[in-house]
Amino acid sequence: MNRTTYLGELEQMILLAILRLDDGAYGMAIREEMEARAGRELSRSAAYITLERLAKKGYLTTRMGNPSPVRGGRAKRYYQITDAGHEALRDSGRALMSLWADQEWLLEES
């Protein structure tokens, strides 16, 4: 892993949420997935700032969906992980698993 593939915790969590959502990964769905899976509430601004940062790093691509009358004619922006994003997530996950090795007792309830 090198500095260009370093991911912060929030970046990792958002990338993992996008993987879980597959073709349905748009802003609100990502925020809902984070809350449902990780119990972490994420403000709109934090979500979109992080999504923009990940896109600038080359870890995400975006596409616009069709406009929706429910959304006042606005379209949703959908996110997809790039190959570089997969690599960064894989590197980050390996580093974390290496650090967690033999420390699983920390995950147990007291």
N, C-alpha and C. Protein backbone atom coordinates (compact mmCIF):
# COMPACT_ATOMS: atom_id res chain seq x y z
N MET A 1 0.85 -1.18 0.00
CA MET A 1 0.00 0.00 0.00
C MET A 1 0.89 1.24 0.00
N ASN A 2 0.52 2.22 -0.78
CA ASN A 2 1.27 3.47 -0.77
C ASN A 2 0.33 4.62 -0.42
N ARG A 3 0.87 5.79 -0.27
CA ARG A 3 0.11 6.95 0.19
C ARG A 3 -1.05 7.28 -0.74
N THR A 4 -0.93 7.02 -2.03
CA THR A 4 -2.00 7.37 -2.97
C THR A 4 -3.20 6.45 -2.81
N THR A 5 -3.02 5.27 -2.23
CA THR A 5 -4.15 4.37 -2.05
C THR A 5 -4.68 4.38 -0.62
N TYR A 6 -4.12 5.24 0.24
CA TYR A 6 -4.59 5.31 1.61
C TYR A 6 -6.04 5.76 1.64
N LEU A 7 -6.84 5.06 2.43
CA LEU A 7 -8.25 5.43 2.62
C LEU A 7 -8.51 5.68 4.09
N GLY A 8 -9.25 6.73 4.37
CA GLY A 8 -9.72 6.97 5.72
C GLY A 8 -10.91 6.08 6.02
N GLU A 9 -11.29 6.02 7.29
CA GLU A 9 -12.40 5.17 7.71
C GLU A 9 -13.69 5.49 6.96
N LEU A 10 -14.04 6.76 6.88
CA LEU A 10 -15.28 7.14 6.20
C LEU A 10 -15.22 6.78 4.72
N GLU A 11 -14.08 6.98 4.09
CA GLU A 11 -13.93 6.61 2.69
C GLU A 11 -14.12 5.11 2.50
N GLN A 12 -13.53 4.31 3.37
CA GLN A 12 -13.70 2.85 3.29
C GLN A 12 -15.17 2.47 3.43
N MET A 13 -15.83 3.06 4.42
CA MET A 13 -17.22 2.72 4.68
C MET A 13 -18.11 3.10 3.50
N ILE A 14 -17.86 4.25 2.91
CA ILE A 14 -18.66 4.68 1.75
C ILE A 14 -18.40 3.76 0.56
N LEU A 15 -17.15 3.41 0.30
CA LEU A 15 -16.86 2.49 -0.80
C LEU A 15 -17.53 1.14 -0.58
N LEU A 16 -17.51 0.65 0.65
CA LEU A 16 -18.16 -0.63 0.94
C LEU A 16 -19.68 -0.53 0.78
N ALA A 17 -20.26 0.58 1.16
CA ALA A 17 -21.70 0.79 0.97
C ALA A 17 -22.03 0.80 -0.52
N ILE A 18 -21.20 1.45 -1.31
CA ILE A 18 -21.43 1.49 -2.76
C ILE A 18 -21.34 0.09 -3.35
N LEU A 19 -20.38 -0.71 -2.90
CA LEU A 19 -20.29 -2.09 -3.37
C LEU A 19 -21.56 -2.86 -3.05
N ARG A 20 -22.08 -2.69 -1.84
CA ARG A 20 -23.30 -3.39 -1.43
C ARG A 20 -24.50 -2.96 -2.25
N LEU A 21 -24.58 -1.68 -2.58
CA LEU A 21 -25.74 -1.15 -3.30
C LEU A 21 -25.68 -1.42 -4.79
N ASP A 22 -24.50 -1.72 -5.30
CA ASP A 22 -24.30 -2.05 -6.71
C ASP A 22 -24.83 -0.92 -7.60
N ASP A 23 -25.76 -1.21 -8.50
CA ASP A 23 -26.28 -0.21 -9.43
C ASP A 23 -27.20 0.81 -8.77
N GLY A 24 -27.56 0.60 -7.52
CA GLY A 24 -28.46 1.52 -6.83
C GLY A 24 -27.75 2.49 -5.90
N ALA A 25 -26.46 2.72 -6.13
CA ALA A 25 -25.66 3.56 -5.23
C ALA A 25 -25.77 5.04 -5.61
N TYR A 26 -26.66 5.74 -4.94
CA TYR A 26 -26.76 7.19 -5.07
C TYR A 26 -26.73 7.76 -3.65
N GLY A 27 -26.60 9.06 -3.54
CA GLY A 27 -26.34 9.71 -2.26
C GLY A 27 -27.18 9.25 -1.08
N MET A 28 -28.50 9.36 -1.19
CA MET A 28 -29.37 9.02 -0.07
C MET A 28 -29.29 7.52 0.26
N ALA A 29 -29.23 6.69 -0.77
CA ALA A 29 -29.14 5.25 -0.54
C ALA A 29 -27.83 4.90 0.17
N ILE A 30 -26.76 5.57 -0.18
CA ILE A 30 -25.47 5.34 0.48
C ILE A 30 -25.57 5.72 1.95
N ARG A 31 -26.17 6.87 2.24
CA ARG A 31 -26.34 7.32 3.62
C ARG A 31 -27.20 6.34 4.42
N GLU A 32 -28.27 5.86 3.81
CA GLU A 32 -29.14 4.89 4.48
C GLU A 32 -28.43 3.57 4.74
N GLU A 33 -27.62 3.13 3.79
CA GLU A 33 -26.85 1.88 3.95
C GLU A 33 -25.85 2.02 5.09
N MET A 34 -25.21 3.17 5.18
CA MET A 34 -24.25 3.42 6.27
C MET A 34 -24.94 3.35 7.62
N GLU A 35 -26.12 3.93 7.70
CA GLU A 35 -26.83 3.92 8.98
C GLU A 35 -27.33 2.51 9.32
N ALA A 36 -27.87 1.81 8.32
CA ALA A 36 -28.41 0.47 8.56
C ALA A 36 -27.32 -0.54 8.91
N ARG A 37 -26.21 -0.51 8.20
CA ARG A 37 -25.15 -1.51 8.39
C ARG A 37 -24.16 -1.15 9.48
N ALA A 38 -23.82 0.13 9.56
CA ALA A 38 -22.75 0.54 10.48
C ALA A 38 -23.27 1.34 11.67
N GLY A 39 -24.56 1.66 11.65
CA GLY A 39 -25.11 2.47 12.74
C GLY A 39 -24.55 3.87 12.76
N ARG A 40 -24.11 4.33 11.62
CA ARG A 40 -23.45 5.64 11.54
C ARG A 40 -24.31 6.60 10.71
N GLU A 41 -24.79 7.64 11.37
CA GLU A 41 -25.53 8.67 10.64
C GLU A 41 -24.52 9.55 9.92
N LEU A 42 -24.84 9.88 8.71
CA LEU A 42 -23.94 10.64 7.87
C LEU A 42 -24.70 11.84 7.30
N SER A 43 -24.21 13.02 7.56
CA SER A 43 -24.88 14.22 7.02
C SER A 43 -24.74 14.25 5.51
N ARG A 44 -25.65 14.97 4.88
CA ARG A 44 -25.58 15.11 3.43
C ARG A 44 -24.25 15.69 3.00
N SER A 45 -23.84 16.75 3.70
CA SER A 45 -22.60 17.42 3.28
C SER A 45 -21.39 16.50 3.45
N ALA A 46 -21.31 15.75 4.54
CA ALA A 46 -20.19 14.83 4.74
C ALA A 46 -20.18 13.75 3.66
N ALA A 47 -21.36 13.26 3.31
CA ALA A 47 -21.44 12.22 2.28
C ALA A 47 -20.94 12.76 0.94
N TYR A 48 -21.46 13.92 0.54
CA TYR A 48 -21.11 14.43 -0.79
C TYR A 48 -19.68 14.94 -0.87
N ILE A 49 -19.16 15.49 0.20
CA ILE A 49 -17.76 15.91 0.21
C ILE A 49 -16.86 14.69 0.05
N THR A 50 -17.19 13.61 0.76
CA THR A 50 -16.39 12.38 0.67
C THR A 50 -16.53 11.74 -0.70
N LEU A 51 -17.73 11.69 -1.25
CA LEU A 51 -17.94 11.13 -2.58
C LEU A 51 -17.14 11.93 -3.63
N GLU A 52 -17.15 13.25 -3.50
CA GLU A 52 -16.39 14.08 -4.43
C GLU A 52 -14.89 13.82 -4.30
N ARG A 53 -14.41 13.70 -3.07
CA ARG A 53 -12.98 13.43 -2.84
C ARG A 53 -12.59 12.08 -3.45
N LEU A 54 -13.44 11.06 -3.26
CA LEU A 54 -13.15 9.74 -3.83
C LEU A 54 -13.15 9.78 -5.35
N ALA A 55 -14.04 10.56 -5.94
CA ALA A 55 -14.06 10.70 -7.40
C ALA A 55 -12.80 11.41 -7.89
N LYS A 56 -12.36 12.45 -7.16
CA LYS A 56 -11.13 13.16 -7.55
C LYS A 56 -9.91 12.27 -7.46
N LYS A 57 -9.92 11.34 -6.51
CA LYS A 57 -8.81 10.39 -6.38
C LYS A 57 -8.85 9.33 -7.49
N GLY A 58 -9.94 9.28 -8.23
CA GLY A 58 -10.08 8.29 -9.30
C GLY A 58 -10.68 6.98 -8.82
N TYR A 59 -11.27 6.97 -7.63
CA TYR A 59 -11.82 5.74 -7.06
C TYR A 59 -13.29 5.54 -7.39
N LEU A 60 -13.95 6.58 -7.92
CA LEU A 60 -15.36 6.49 -8.28
C LEU A 60 -15.60 7.13 -9.63
N THR A 61 -16.58 6.61 -10.34
CA THR A 61 -17.14 7.29 -11.49
C THR A 61 -18.60 7.57 -11.17
N THR A 62 -19.18 8.51 -11.89
CA THR A 62 -20.58 8.85 -11.67
C THR A 62 -21.33 8.82 -12.99
N ARG A 63 -22.62 8.64 -12.86
CA ARG A 63 -23.52 8.73 -14.02
C ARG A 63 -24.83 9.31 -13.51
N MET A 64 -25.51 10.00 -14.38
CA MET A 64 -26.78 10.58 -14.02
C MET A 64 -27.91 9.63 -14.43
N GLY A 65 -28.88 9.45 -13.53
CA GLY A 65 -30.06 8.66 -13.84
C GLY A 65 -31.07 9.52 -14.58
N ASN A 66 -32.23 8.98 -14.79
CA ASN A 66 -33.29 9.73 -15.45
C ASN A 66 -33.95 10.69 -14.47
N PRO A 67 -34.39 11.85 -14.97
CA PRO A 67 -35.12 12.78 -14.11
C PRO A 67 -36.37 12.12 -13.54
N SER A 68 -36.72 12.49 -12.33
CA SER A 68 -37.86 11.88 -11.65
C SER A 68 -38.84 12.97 -11.21
N PRO A 69 -40.13 12.78 -11.52
CA PRO A 69 -41.11 13.76 -11.07
C PRO A 69 -41.18 13.85 -9.54
N VAL A 70 -40.90 12.74 -8.86
CA VAL A 70 -40.90 12.73 -7.40
C VAL A 70 -39.82 13.67 -6.86
N ARG A 71 -38.75 13.81 -7.60
CA ARG A 71 -37.64 14.67 -7.18
C ARG A 71 -37.71 16.05 -7.84
N GLY A 72 -38.89 16.44 -8.29
CA GLY A 72 -39.04 17.74 -8.93
C GLY A 72 -38.35 17.83 -10.28
N GLY A 73 -38.25 16.70 -10.96
CA GLY A 73 -37.62 16.67 -12.27
C GLY A 73 -36.11 16.53 -12.24
N ARG A 74 -35.54 16.39 -11.06
CA ARG A 74 -34.08 16.24 -10.96
C ARG A 74 -33.70 14.77 -11.09
N ALA A 75 -32.51 14.56 -11.60
CA ALA A 75 -31.98 13.20 -11.75
C ALA A 75 -31.06 12.86 -10.58
N LYS A 76 -30.97 11.58 -10.26
CA LYS A 76 -30.05 11.10 -9.23
C LYS A 76 -28.68 10.88 -9.86
N ARG A 77 -27.64 11.14 -9.07
CA ARG A 77 -26.27 10.84 -9.48
C ARG A 77 -25.90 9.50 -8.86
N TYR A 78 -25.54 8.53 -9.69
CA TYR A 78 -25.17 7.20 -9.24
C TYR A 78 -23.65 7.07 -9.25
N TYR A 79 -23.15 6.29 -8.30
CA TYR A 79 -21.71 6.12 -8.13
C TYR A 79 -21.32 4.66 -8.36
N GLN A 80 -20.14 4.49 -8.97
CA GLN A 80 -19.59 3.15 -9.20
C GLN A 80 -18.10 3.19 -8.90
N ILE A 81 -17.61 2.11 -8.30
CA ILE A 81 -16.20 2.04 -7.93
C ILE A 81 -15.37 1.65 -9.15
N THR A 82 -14.26 2.36 -9.34
CA THR A 82 -13.34 2.07 -10.44
C THR A 82 -12.38 0.95 -10.02
N ASP A 83 -11.58 0.50 -10.97
CA ASP A 83 -10.55 -0.50 -10.65
C ASP A 83 -9.59 0.05 -9.60
N ALA A 84 -9.22 1.32 -9.72
CA ALA A 84 -8.33 1.94 -8.73
C ALA A 84 -8.99 1.98 -7.36
N GLY A 85 -10.29 2.20 -7.32
CA GLY A 85 -11.03 2.19 -6.06
C GLY A 85 -11.05 0.81 -5.43
N HIS A 86 -11.24 -0.21 -6.26
CA HIS A 86 -11.20 -1.59 -5.76
C HIS A 86 -9.82 -1.90 -5.18
N GLU A 87 -8.79 -1.47 -5.88
CA GLU A 87 -7.42 -1.73 -5.41
C GLU A 87 -7.15 -1.01 -4.08
N ALA A 88 -7.57 0.23 -3.99
CA ALA A 88 -7.36 1.00 -2.75
C ALA A 88 -8.12 0.35 -1.59
N LEU A 89 -9.34 -0.08 -1.84
CA LEU A 89 -10.14 -0.73 -0.80
C LEU A 89 -9.51 -2.06 -0.38
N ARG A 90 -9.04 -2.81 -1.34
CA ARG A 90 -8.37 -4.10 -1.06
C ARG A 90 -7.11 -3.87 -0.23
N ASP A 91 -6.27 -2.90 -0.63
CA ASP A 91 -5.05 -2.60 0.11
C ASP A 91 -5.36 -2.16 1.54
N SER A 92 -6.34 -1.31 1.67
CA SER A 92 -6.71 -0.80 2.98
C SER A 92 -7.27 -1.92 3.87
N GLY A 93 -8.09 -2.79 3.28
CA GLY A 93 -8.64 -3.91 4.03
C GLY A 93 -7.55 -4.88 4.50
N ARG A 94 -6.59 -5.14 3.64
CA ARG A 94 -5.48 -6.02 4.02
C ARG A 94 -4.68 -5.43 5.17
N ALA A 95 -4.42 -4.13 5.10
CA ALA A 95 -3.66 -3.47 6.17
C ALA A 95 -4.42 -3.56 7.49
N LEU A 96 -5.73 -3.31 7.45
CA LEU A 96 -6.53 -3.39 8.67
C LEU A 96 -6.58 -4.81 9.23
N MET A 97 -6.77 -5.80 8.35
CA MET A 97 -6.81 -7.18 8.82
C MET A 97 -5.49 -7.59 9.44
N SER A 98 -4.39 -7.10 8.89
CA SER A 98 -3.09 -7.40 9.46
C SER A 98 -2.96 -6.81 10.86
N LEU A 99 -3.43 -5.60 11.03
CA LEU A 99 -3.38 -4.96 12.35
C LEU A 99 -4.33 -5.62 13.34
N TRP A 100 -5.47 -6.12 12.85
CA TRP A 100 -6.45 -6.77 13.73
C TRP A 100 -6.04 -8.18 14.12
N ALA A 101 -5.09 -8.77 13.41
CA ALA A 101 -4.68 -10.15 13.69
C ALA A 101 -4.33 -10.29 15.17
N ASP A 102 -4.88 -11.30 15.79
CA ASP A 102 -4.68 -11.62 17.21
C ASP A 102 -5.27 -10.58 18.17
N GLN A 103 -6.10 -9.69 17.64
CA GLN A 103 -6.73 -8.69 18.49
C GLN A 103 -8.26 -8.83 18.49
N GLU A 104 -8.75 -9.96 18.03
CA GLU A 104 -10.19 -10.16 17.91
C GLU A 104 -10.91 -10.05 19.24
N TRP A 105 -10.20 -10.28 20.34
CA TRP A 105 -10.80 -10.18 21.65
C TRP A 105 -11.38 -8.79 21.91
N LEU A 106 -10.86 -7.80 21.20
CA LEU A 106 -11.39 -6.45 21.35
C LEU A 106 -12.82 -6.32 20.84
N LEU A 107 -13.21 -7.21 19.95
CA LEU A 107 -14.56 -7.17 19.38
C LEU A 107 -15.60 -7.83 20.26
N GLU A 108 -15.15 -8.59 21.25
CA GLU A 108 -16.07 -9.29 22.13
C GLU A 108 -16.74 -8.33 23.11
N GLU A 109 -17.97 -8.66 23.44
CA GLU A 109 -18.72 -7.87 24.43
C GLU A 109 -18.10 -8.08 25.80
N SER A 110 -18.07 -7.04 26.60
CA SER A 110 -17.53 -7.13 27.96
C SER A 110 -18.57 -7.70 28.92
